[in-house]
Amino acid sequence: MNFLGYVILGGLAYMAGWFIRTKVLGNKPAPKTPYRLTHPVILSYLGGFFVLMLIISFLIGRFILGHNSLDVMFIIINSLAATFVFSFGINPENANYDVPN
C-alpha cells in the first residue's frame, strides 16, 4: 500500500467513527453519564473496531500486499493506527468546536 492507500483507509476509519457518533449514538436517548472515551459504550465500539481492523489488516496483508506468512507486526500496527483515527471520529468531546464568528 502506498501513502494514498493509508490516507483512504484513515479517512474511512474516521468516517466510520463519525457515523457512529452522529447516527447511532446521537439518535439514542442521552445516557446518565455523558459519552467520553472512557464510557463503556465507546470502549465497546473501539474494541469492536479494533477486532474488525485485525481481520481487515490480515486480508490487506495477504491479498493486496502479498505477504505469504502471517505478518503480525503489520497487522497489529495497522489495526492500532486505524483504531486511533477511529477514536477521533467517535469522540463526542470534540463535537462542538466553538468556532468564533
Protein backbone atom coordinates (compact mmCIF):
# COMPACT_ATOMS: atom_id res chain seq x y z
CA MET A 1 0.00 0.00 0.00
CA ASN A 2 1.21 3.46 -0.75
CA PHE A 3 0.57 6.69 1.13
CA LEU A 4 -2.72 7.33 -0.67
CA GLY A 5 -3.99 3.90 0.39
CA TYR A 6 -3.30 4.68 4.03
CA VAL A 7 -4.93 8.11 3.72
CA ILE A 8 -8.05 6.49 2.27
CA LEU A 9 -8.04 3.81 5.00
CA GLY A 10 -7.70 6.52 7.66
CA GLY A 11 -10.49 8.53 6.10
CA LEU A 12 -12.78 5.52 6.11
CA ALA A 13 -11.90 4.82 9.76
CA TYR A 14 -12.64 8.43 10.73
CA MET A 15 -15.88 8.39 8.74
CA ALA A 16 -16.98 5.20 10.48
CA GLY A 17 -16.40 6.79 13.89
CA TRP A 18 -18.17 9.98 12.86
CA PHE A 19 -21.13 7.98 11.51
CA ILE A 20 -21.48 6.03 14.76
CA ARG A 21 -21.26 9.22 16.83
CA THR A 22 -23.82 11.16 14.81
CA LYS A 23 -26.25 8.49 13.59
CA VAL A 24 -26.16 5.75 16.21
CA LEU A 25 -25.24 7.46 19.48
CA GLY A 26 -26.87 10.76 18.53
CA ASN A 27 -30.27 9.13 17.98
CA LYS A 28 -30.27 7.30 21.30
CA PRO A 29 -31.60 8.94 24.46
CA ALA A 30 -28.93 10.76 26.46
CA PRO A 31 -27.26 8.43 28.99
CA LYS A 32 -26.93 9.20 32.69
CA THR A 33 -23.20 9.71 32.31
CA PRO A 34 -22.09 11.69 29.26
CA TYR A 35 -20.26 9.90 26.48
CA ARG A 36 -16.48 10.15 26.83
CA LEU A 37 -13.69 7.93 25.54
CA THR A 38 -13.82 6.03 28.85
CA HIS A 39 -17.57 5.37 28.62
CA PRO A 40 -18.30 1.61 28.33
CA VAL A 41 -20.31 2.04 25.11
CA ILE A 42 -17.50 3.97 23.43
CA LEU A 43 -14.94 1.43 24.66
CA SER A 44 -17.00 -1.41 23.22
CA TYR A 45 -17.15 0.33 19.84
CA LEU A 46 -13.38 0.89 19.96
CA GLY A 47 -12.76 -2.75 20.84
CA GLY A 48 -15.09 -3.98 18.13
CA PHE A 49 -13.45 -1.74 15.55
CA PHE A 50 -10.01 -2.97 16.62
CA VAL A 51 -11.05 -6.61 16.12
CA LEU A 52 -12.59 -5.71 12.75
CA MET A 53 -9.35 -3.96 11.73
CA LEU A 54 -7.33 -7.02 12.75
CA ILE A 55 -9.29 -9.04 10.23
CA ILE A 56 -9.13 -6.33 7.54
CA SER A 57 -5.39 -5.83 8.11
CA PHE A 58 -4.81 -9.55 7.73
CA LEU A 59 -6.76 -9.53 4.45
CA ILE A 60 -4.88 -6.45 3.20
CA GLY A 61 -1.55 -8.05 4.02
CA ARG A 62 -2.48 -11.37 2.48
CA PHE A 63 -4.25 -10.38 -0.73
CA ILE A 64 -3.17 -6.81 -1.53
CA LEU A 65 0.40 -6.73 -0.24
CA GLY A 66 1.10 -10.41 -0.94
CA HIS A 67 2.52 -11.41 2.46
CA ASN A 68 2.87 -15.19 2.31
CA SER A 69 3.32 -15.62 6.04
CA LEU A 70 1.38 -14.10 8.90
CA ASP A 71 2.84 -10.59 9.32
CA VAL A 72 1.86 -9.96 12.93
CA MET A 73 3.63 -6.61 13.29
CA PHE A 74 1.89 -5.17 10.21
CA ILE A 75 -1.49 -6.41 11.38
CA ILE A 76 -1.14 -5.01 14.92
CA ILE A 77 0.38 -1.64 13.92
CA ASN A 78 -2.14 -1.10 11.13
CA SER A 79 -5.05 -2.01 13.41
CA LEU A 80 -3.83 0.26 16.22
CA ALA A 81 -3.34 3.19 13.85
CA ALA A 82 -6.80 2.76 12.30
CA THR A 83 -8.41 2.45 15.75
CA PHE A 84 -6.60 5.61 16.86
CA VAL A 85 -8.03 7.51 13.87
CA PHE A 86 -11.45 5.94 14.53
CA SER A 87 -11.33 7.29 18.10
CA PHE A 88 -11.13 10.85 16.76
CA GLY A 89 -14.33 10.30 14.81
CA ILE A 90 -16.25 8.69 17.66
CA ASN A 91 -15.02 11.08 20.36
CA PRO A 92 -18.06 13.18 21.39
CA GLU A 93 -15.91 15.58 23.41
CA ASN A 94 -14.78 17.33 20.24
CA ALA A 95 -18.21 17.53 18.62
CA ASN A 96 -18.56 21.27 19.24
CA TYR A 97 -15.50 23.26 18.38
CA ASP A 98 -16.95 26.71 19.31
CA VAL A 99 -15.64 28.42 16.20
CA PRO A 100 -15.89 32.22 16.52
CA ASN A 101 -17.97 34.19 14.02
